[in-house]
Amino acid sequence: MESLNLDKKNKTPEVTFDPESSIFEISGRSIPENSVEFYRPMMEWLDEYAIQPNNVTHFSIKLEYFNTSSRKCLVDILRKLEVIHLNGYEVLVKWYYDEEDEDMKESGEDFKDILKVPIKMIPITL
C-alpha cells in the first residue's frame, strides 16, 4: 500500500500516512474551505488500510487549531481507527496539545469520551 502525504499549507495540515514506516500523523492548522473534500483522500486511504492494517497503529494528531467542519472529519477518521481497534488490532491515538490551550485539550478529551479507541493526551510546551 502506498503512503499518503500532503504538504502543510496555510489552511491545511501536513498529513503523513505511511504504513511501511508506521508514521501516521496530521499536524498544523485545519481550516480548509471545504473540509469534506480535503479529508476525503484520507478517509478513502484509511478504508483501504483497514482491510489489512499493521498489527500496531500509532496515530498522532498535532493540530494547533481546527474549525468545526474539520472536527466532524476528525471524528470520522477516528471512527475508522476505532473500527480497526475493535477488529482486534492495536491502535493508539496520541493527541498533542499546547498545555496552555484549554480548547485543544478539551477537544481531545471529548474525542476520548465518545470513541472506543485509546487516546493518549500529550501536553507540549510551545
N, C-alpha and C. Protein backbone atom coordinates (compact mmCIF):
# COMPACT_ATOMS: atom_id res chain seq x y z
N MET A 1 0.84 -1.18 0.00
CA MET A 1 0.00 0.00 0.00
C MET A 1 0.89 1.24 0.00
N GLU A 2 0.55 2.19 -0.85
CA GLU A 2 1.35 3.41 -0.95
C GLU A 2 1.00 4.39 0.17
N SER A 3 1.97 5.21 0.51
CA SER A 3 1.79 6.25 1.52
C SER A 3 0.89 7.36 0.98
N LEU A 4 0.30 8.10 1.90
CA LEU A 4 -0.43 9.31 1.57
C LEU A 4 0.30 10.45 2.25
N ASN A 5 0.77 11.40 1.47
CA ASN A 5 1.50 12.55 2.01
C ASN A 5 0.92 13.83 1.41
N LEU A 6 0.53 14.74 2.29
CA LEU A 6 0.03 16.05 1.87
C LEU A 6 0.85 17.11 2.58
N ASP A 7 1.35 18.06 1.82
CA ASP A 7 2.16 19.13 2.41
C ASP A 7 1.29 20.11 3.18
N LYS A 8 1.85 20.66 4.23
CA LYS A 8 1.20 21.69 5.03
C LYS A 8 1.04 22.95 4.18
N LYS A 9 -0.14 23.53 4.26
CA LYS A 9 -0.40 24.80 3.58
C LYS A 9 -0.94 25.78 4.61
N ASN A 10 -1.29 26.95 4.15
CA ASN A 10 -1.78 27.99 5.05
C ASN A 10 -3.01 27.55 5.85
N LYS A 11 -3.92 26.85 5.18
CA LYS A 11 -5.18 26.47 5.82
C LYS A 11 -5.34 24.97 6.04
N THR A 12 -4.35 24.21 5.63
CA THR A 12 -4.49 22.75 5.75
C THR A 12 -3.25 22.14 6.42
N PRO A 13 -3.45 21.07 7.15
CA PRO A 13 -2.35 20.46 7.88
C PRO A 13 -1.47 19.58 6.98
N GLU A 14 -0.30 19.26 7.51
CA GLU A 14 0.56 18.25 6.89
C GLU A 14 -0.02 16.89 7.26
N VAL A 15 -0.02 16.00 6.28
CA VAL A 15 -0.56 14.65 6.51
C VAL A 15 0.47 13.64 6.04
N THR A 16 0.78 12.70 6.91
CA THR A 16 1.67 11.60 6.56
C THR A 16 1.02 10.31 7.04
N PHE A 17 0.62 9.48 6.10
CA PHE A 17 0.11 8.15 6.40
C PHE A 17 1.04 7.18 5.69
N ASP A 18 1.97 6.60 6.42
CA ASP A 18 2.97 5.71 5.83
C ASP A 18 2.99 4.38 6.59
N PRO A 19 2.31 3.38 6.06
CA PRO A 19 2.22 2.11 6.78
C PRO A 19 3.57 1.38 6.88
N GLU A 20 4.47 1.61 5.94
CA GLU A 20 5.76 0.93 5.97
C GLU A 20 6.62 1.41 7.13
N SER A 21 6.64 2.72 7.38
CA SER A 21 7.43 3.26 8.49
C SER A 21 6.58 3.41 9.76
N SER A 22 5.31 3.07 9.66
CA SER A 22 4.35 3.20 10.77
C SER A 22 4.22 4.64 11.27
N ILE A 23 4.32 5.60 10.36
CA ILE A 23 4.09 7.00 10.71
C ILE A 23 2.71 7.40 10.19
N PHE A 24 1.85 7.76 11.11
CA PHE A 24 0.50 8.22 10.79
C PHE A 24 0.32 9.52 11.56
N GLU A 25 0.29 10.65 10.84
CA GLU A 25 0.28 11.93 11.55
C GLU A 25 -0.47 13.01 10.76
N ILE A 26 -1.20 13.82 11.51
CA ILE A 26 -1.82 15.03 10.99
C ILE A 26 -1.32 16.16 11.88
N SER A 27 -0.73 17.20 11.27
CA SER A 27 -0.17 18.28 12.09
C SER A 27 -0.32 19.64 11.40
N GLY A 28 -0.54 20.66 12.21
CA GLY A 28 -0.65 22.02 11.68
C GLY A 28 -2.01 22.63 12.02
N ARG A 29 -2.53 23.40 11.08
CA ARG A 29 -3.85 24.03 11.22
C ARG A 29 -4.79 23.41 10.21
N SER A 30 -6.05 23.23 10.62
CA SER A 30 -7.03 22.66 9.71
C SER A 30 -8.24 23.58 9.62
N ILE A 31 -8.17 24.47 8.62
CA ILE A 31 -9.29 25.39 8.37
C ILE A 31 -9.54 25.48 6.85
N PRO A 32 -9.64 24.32 6.20
CA PRO A 32 -9.83 24.35 4.74
C PRO A 32 -11.20 24.93 4.36
N GLU A 33 -11.28 25.43 3.13
CA GLU A 33 -12.54 25.95 2.61
C GLU A 33 -13.60 24.85 2.59
N ASN A 34 -13.19 23.65 2.20
CA ASN A 34 -14.11 22.51 2.11
C ASN A 34 -13.46 21.32 2.81
N SER A 35 -13.78 21.15 4.08
CA SER A 35 -13.15 20.10 4.88
C SER A 35 -13.44 18.71 4.33
N VAL A 36 -14.66 18.47 3.92
CA VAL A 36 -15.03 17.15 3.41
C VAL A 36 -14.16 16.79 2.21
N GLU A 37 -13.98 17.73 1.31
CA GLU A 37 -13.15 17.48 0.13
C GLU A 37 -11.68 17.29 0.52
N PHE A 38 -11.20 18.08 1.44
CA PHE A 38 -9.80 17.96 1.87
C PHE A 38 -9.55 16.61 2.54
N TYR A 39 -10.46 16.18 3.40
CA TYR A 39 -10.25 14.94 4.16
C TYR A 39 -10.64 13.68 3.40
N ARG A 40 -11.32 13.82 2.27
CA ARG A 40 -11.77 12.65 1.50
C ARG A 40 -10.63 11.67 1.17
N PRO A 41 -9.47 12.13 0.66
CA PRO A 41 -8.39 11.17 0.36
C PRO A 41 -7.93 10.40 1.60
N MET A 42 -7.96 11.04 2.76
CA MET A 42 -7.56 10.35 4.00
C MET A 42 -8.58 9.29 4.36
N MET A 43 -9.85 9.61 4.20
CA MET A 43 -10.91 8.65 4.51
C MET A 43 -10.81 7.43 3.59
N GLU A 44 -10.62 7.69 2.31
CA GLU A 44 -10.50 6.58 1.35
C GLU A 44 -9.25 5.75 1.63
N TRP A 45 -8.15 6.42 1.97
CA TRP A 45 -6.91 5.72 2.27
C TRP A 45 -7.10 4.81 3.49
N LEU A 46 -7.76 5.34 4.53
CA LEU A 46 -7.99 4.55 5.74
C LEU A 46 -8.93 3.38 5.49
N ASP A 47 -9.90 3.55 4.59
CA ASP A 47 -10.77 2.42 4.22
C ASP A 47 -9.94 1.29 3.64
N GLU A 48 -9.00 1.63 2.77
CA GLU A 48 -8.14 0.62 2.17
C GLU A 48 -7.18 0.02 3.22
N TYR A 49 -6.63 0.88 4.06
CA TYR A 49 -5.71 0.43 5.11
C TYR A 49 -6.40 -0.54 6.07
N ALA A 50 -7.66 -0.29 6.38
CA ALA A 50 -8.41 -1.11 7.34
C ALA A 50 -8.58 -2.55 6.87
N ILE A 51 -8.46 -2.78 5.58
CA ILE A 51 -8.59 -4.15 5.05
C ILE A 51 -7.46 -5.02 5.57
N GLN A 52 -6.25 -4.47 5.63
CA GLN A 52 -5.09 -5.20 6.12
C GLN A 52 -4.16 -4.25 6.88
N PRO A 53 -4.60 -3.83 8.08
CA PRO A 53 -3.80 -2.86 8.83
C PRO A 53 -2.56 -3.49 9.45
N ASN A 54 -1.63 -2.63 9.86
CA ASN A 54 -0.49 -3.11 10.63
C ASN A 54 -1.01 -3.68 11.94
N ASN A 55 -0.25 -4.56 12.55
CA ASN A 55 -0.65 -5.10 13.85
C ASN A 55 -0.77 -4.00 14.90
N VAL A 56 0.07 -2.96 14.76
CA VAL A 56 0.07 -1.82 15.67
C VAL A 56 0.00 -0.54 14.85
N THR A 57 -0.93 0.32 15.19
CA THR A 57 -1.07 1.61 14.52
C THR A 57 -1.02 2.70 15.58
N HIS A 58 0.01 3.54 15.51
CA HIS A 58 0.11 4.72 16.37
C HIS A 58 -0.19 5.92 15.49
N PHE A 59 -1.21 6.65 15.84
CA PHE A 59 -1.71 7.75 15.02
C PHE A 59 -1.59 9.05 15.81
N SER A 60 -0.81 9.99 15.33
CA SER A 60 -0.57 11.25 16.05
C SER A 60 -1.37 12.39 15.43
N ILE A 61 -2.00 13.15 16.30
CA ILE A 61 -2.70 14.37 15.89
C ILE A 61 -2.04 15.52 16.64
N LYS A 62 -1.45 16.43 15.86
CA LYS A 62 -0.71 17.57 16.42
C LYS A 62 -1.25 18.85 15.80
N LEU A 63 -2.50 19.13 16.06
CA LEU A 63 -3.13 20.30 15.47
C LEU A 63 -3.08 21.50 16.41
N GLU A 64 -2.74 22.65 15.83
CA GLU A 64 -2.74 23.90 16.58
C GLU A 64 -4.17 24.43 16.71
N TYR A 65 -4.95 24.20 15.65
CA TYR A 65 -6.31 24.71 15.59
C TYR A 65 -7.06 23.97 14.50
N PHE A 66 -8.37 23.76 14.70
CA PHE A 66 -9.21 23.23 13.63
C PHE A 66 -10.60 23.85 13.75
N ASN A 67 -11.25 23.99 12.59
CA ASN A 67 -12.59 24.58 12.58
C ASN A 67 -13.64 23.49 12.79
N THR A 68 -14.89 23.91 12.88
CA THR A 68 -15.99 22.99 13.18
C THR A 68 -16.13 21.89 12.12
N SER A 69 -15.99 22.25 10.86
CA SER A 69 -16.15 21.23 9.82
C SER A 69 -14.98 20.24 9.84
N SER A 70 -13.80 20.71 10.22
CA SER A 70 -12.66 19.79 10.37
C SER A 70 -12.89 18.84 11.54
N ARG A 71 -13.52 19.34 12.58
CA ARG A 71 -13.82 18.50 13.75
C ARG A 71 -14.64 17.27 13.34
N LYS A 72 -15.66 17.51 12.52
CA LYS A 72 -16.50 16.40 12.04
C LYS A 72 -15.66 15.39 11.27
N CYS A 73 -14.76 15.88 10.42
CA CYS A 73 -13.90 14.99 9.64
C CYS A 73 -12.93 14.22 10.54
N LEU A 74 -12.43 14.88 11.58
CA LEU A 74 -11.54 14.20 12.52
C LEU A 74 -12.28 13.08 13.25
N VAL A 75 -13.53 13.33 13.63
CA VAL A 75 -14.33 12.28 14.25
C VAL A 75 -14.46 11.10 13.29
N ASP A 76 -14.71 11.38 12.03
CA ASP A 76 -14.85 10.31 11.04
C ASP A 76 -13.55 9.50 10.91
N ILE A 77 -12.42 10.18 10.92
CA ILE A 77 -11.12 9.50 10.85
C ILE A 77 -10.94 8.62 12.09
N LEU A 78 -11.23 9.19 13.25
CA LEU A 78 -11.06 8.43 14.49
C LEU A 78 -12.03 7.25 14.55
N ARG A 79 -13.19 7.39 13.97
CA ARG A 79 -14.14 6.26 13.91
C ARG A 79 -13.57 5.12 13.06
N LYS A 80 -12.88 5.45 12.00
CA LYS A 80 -12.24 4.41 11.17
C LYS A 80 -11.15 3.69 11.97
N LEU A 81 -10.40 4.45 12.77
CA LEU A 81 -9.39 3.83 13.63
C LEU A 81 -10.05 3.00 14.72
N GLU A 82 -11.19 3.45 15.20
CA GLU A 82 -11.95 2.71 16.20
C GLU A 82 -12.36 1.33 15.66
N VAL A 83 -12.80 1.28 14.42
CA VAL A 83 -13.19 0.01 13.80
C VAL A 83 -11.99 -0.93 13.72
N ILE A 84 -10.85 -0.40 13.33
CA ILE A 84 -9.63 -1.22 13.27
C ILE A 84 -9.33 -1.77 14.67
N HIS A 85 -9.43 -0.92 15.67
CA HIS A 85 -9.19 -1.33 17.06
C HIS A 85 -10.18 -2.41 17.50
N LEU A 86 -11.45 -2.21 17.19
CA LEU A 86 -12.49 -3.16 17.58
C LEU A 86 -12.36 -4.49 16.84
N ASN A 87 -11.63 -4.48 15.72
CA ASN A 87 -11.37 -5.72 14.98
C ASN A 87 -10.15 -6.46 15.52
N GLY A 88 -9.62 -6.02 16.66
CA GLY A 88 -8.57 -6.75 17.33
C GLY A 88 -7.15 -6.28 17.09
N TYR A 89 -6.99 -5.16 16.40
CA TYR A 89 -5.65 -4.62 16.15
C TYR A 89 -5.34 -3.56 17.21
N GLU A 90 -4.06 -3.41 17.52
CA GLU A 90 -3.66 -2.39 18.49
C GLU A 90 -3.63 -1.03 17.81
N VAL A 91 -4.39 -0.10 18.35
CA VAL A 91 -4.43 1.27 17.84
C VAL A 91 -4.27 2.21 19.04
N LEU A 92 -3.38 3.16 18.91
CA LEU A 92 -3.23 4.20 19.93
C LEU A 92 -3.15 5.54 19.22
N VAL A 93 -4.06 6.42 19.60
CA VAL A 93 -4.06 7.78 19.07
C VAL A 93 -3.35 8.65 20.10
N LYS A 94 -2.41 9.46 19.64
CA LYS A 94 -1.71 10.41 20.50
C LYS A 94 -2.21 11.80 20.14
N TRP A 95 -2.85 12.46 21.10
CA TRP A 95 -3.41 13.79 20.89
C TRP A 95 -2.48 14.80 21.56
N TYR A 96 -1.71 15.51 20.75
CA TYR A 96 -0.78 16.52 21.25
C TYR A 96 -1.50 17.86 21.31
N TYR A 97 -1.27 18.59 22.39
CA TYR A 97 -1.89 19.91 22.52
C TYR A 97 -0.96 20.81 23.33
N ASP A 98 -1.00 22.09 23.03
CA ASP A 98 -0.26 23.09 23.80
C ASP A 98 -0.86 23.10 25.20
N GLU A 99 -0.01 22.92 26.20
CA GLU A 99 -0.51 22.81 27.58
C GLU A 99 -1.27 24.05 28.03
N GLU A 100 -1.13 25.17 27.33
CA GLU A 100 -1.86 26.39 27.67
C GLU A 100 -3.15 26.55 26.86
N ASP A 101 -3.42 25.61 25.96
CA ASP A 101 -4.60 25.70 25.09
C ASP A 101 -5.69 24.76 25.61
N GLU A 102 -6.55 25.31 26.45
CA GLU A 102 -7.63 24.51 27.05
C GLU A 102 -8.60 23.96 26.00
N ASP A 103 -8.86 24.73 24.94
CA ASP A 103 -9.80 24.27 23.91
C ASP A 103 -9.30 23.01 23.22
N MET A 104 -8.02 22.98 22.87
CA MET A 104 -7.47 21.79 22.20
C MET A 104 -7.43 20.60 23.16
N LYS A 105 -7.13 20.86 24.41
CA LYS A 105 -7.14 19.79 25.41
C LYS A 105 -8.56 19.22 25.54
N GLU A 106 -9.55 20.11 25.67
CA GLU A 106 -10.94 19.66 25.81
C GLU A 106 -11.41 18.90 24.58
N SER A 107 -10.98 19.33 23.39
CA SER A 107 -11.37 18.62 22.18
C SER A 107 -10.86 17.18 22.22
N GLY A 108 -9.60 17.02 22.58
CA GLY A 108 -9.03 15.68 22.68
C GLY A 108 -9.77 14.84 23.71
N GLU A 109 -10.11 15.44 24.84
CA GLU A 109 -10.83 14.72 25.89
C GLU A 109 -12.24 14.36 25.43
N ASP A 110 -12.87 15.25 24.65
CA ASP A 110 -14.20 14.95 24.10
C ASP A 110 -14.13 13.72 23.18
N PHE A 111 -13.13 13.71 22.30
CA PHE A 111 -12.96 12.56 21.40
C PHE A 111 -12.73 11.29 22.21
N LYS A 112 -11.94 11.42 23.24
CA LYS A 112 -11.62 10.28 24.12
C LYS A 112 -12.90 9.72 24.75
N ASP A 113 -13.82 10.61 25.12
CA ASP A 113 -15.06 10.19 25.77
C ASP A 113 -16.05 9.53 24.81
N ILE A 114 -16.08 9.95 23.55
CA ILE A 114 -17.10 9.43 22.64
C ILE A 114 -16.65 8.25 21.79
N LEU A 115 -15.35 7.97 21.78
CA LEU A 115 -14.84 6.91 20.91
C LEU A 115 -14.27 5.76 21.71
N LYS A 116 -14.32 4.58 21.13
CA LYS A 116 -13.76 3.39 21.77
C LYS A 116 -12.42 3.04 21.15
N VAL A 117 -11.55 4.03 21.14
CA VAL A 117 -10.17 3.84 20.68
C VAL A 117 -9.30 4.55 21.71
N PRO A 118 -8.19 3.93 22.13
CA PRO A 118 -7.35 4.59 23.13
C PRO A 118 -6.77 5.90 22.60
N ILE A 119 -6.94 6.96 23.39
CA ILE A 119 -6.38 8.28 23.04
C ILE A 119 -5.53 8.73 24.22
N LYS A 120 -4.26 8.94 23.94
CA LYS A 120 -3.33 9.41 24.97
C LYS A 120 -3.16 10.91 24.80
N MET A 121 -3.44 11.64 25.85
CA MET A 121 -3.31 13.10 25.84
C MET A 121 -1.86 13.47 26.17
N ILE A 122 -1.24 14.25 25.29
CA ILE A 122 0.17 14.60 25.46
C ILE A 122 0.33 16.12 25.41
N PRO A 123 0.54 16.76 26.59
CA PRO A 123 0.74 18.20 26.61
C PRO A 123 2.16 18.53 26.12
N ILE A 124 2.25 19.61 25.37
CA ILE A 124 3.56 20.10 24.92
C ILE A 124 3.68 21.58 25.23
N THR A 125 4.89 22.04 25.34
CA THR A 125 5.14 23.45 25.58
C THR A 125 5.64 24.07 24.28
N LEU A 126 4.93 25.09 23.82
CA LEU A 126 5.32 25.76 22.57
C LEU A 126 6.13 26.99 22.87
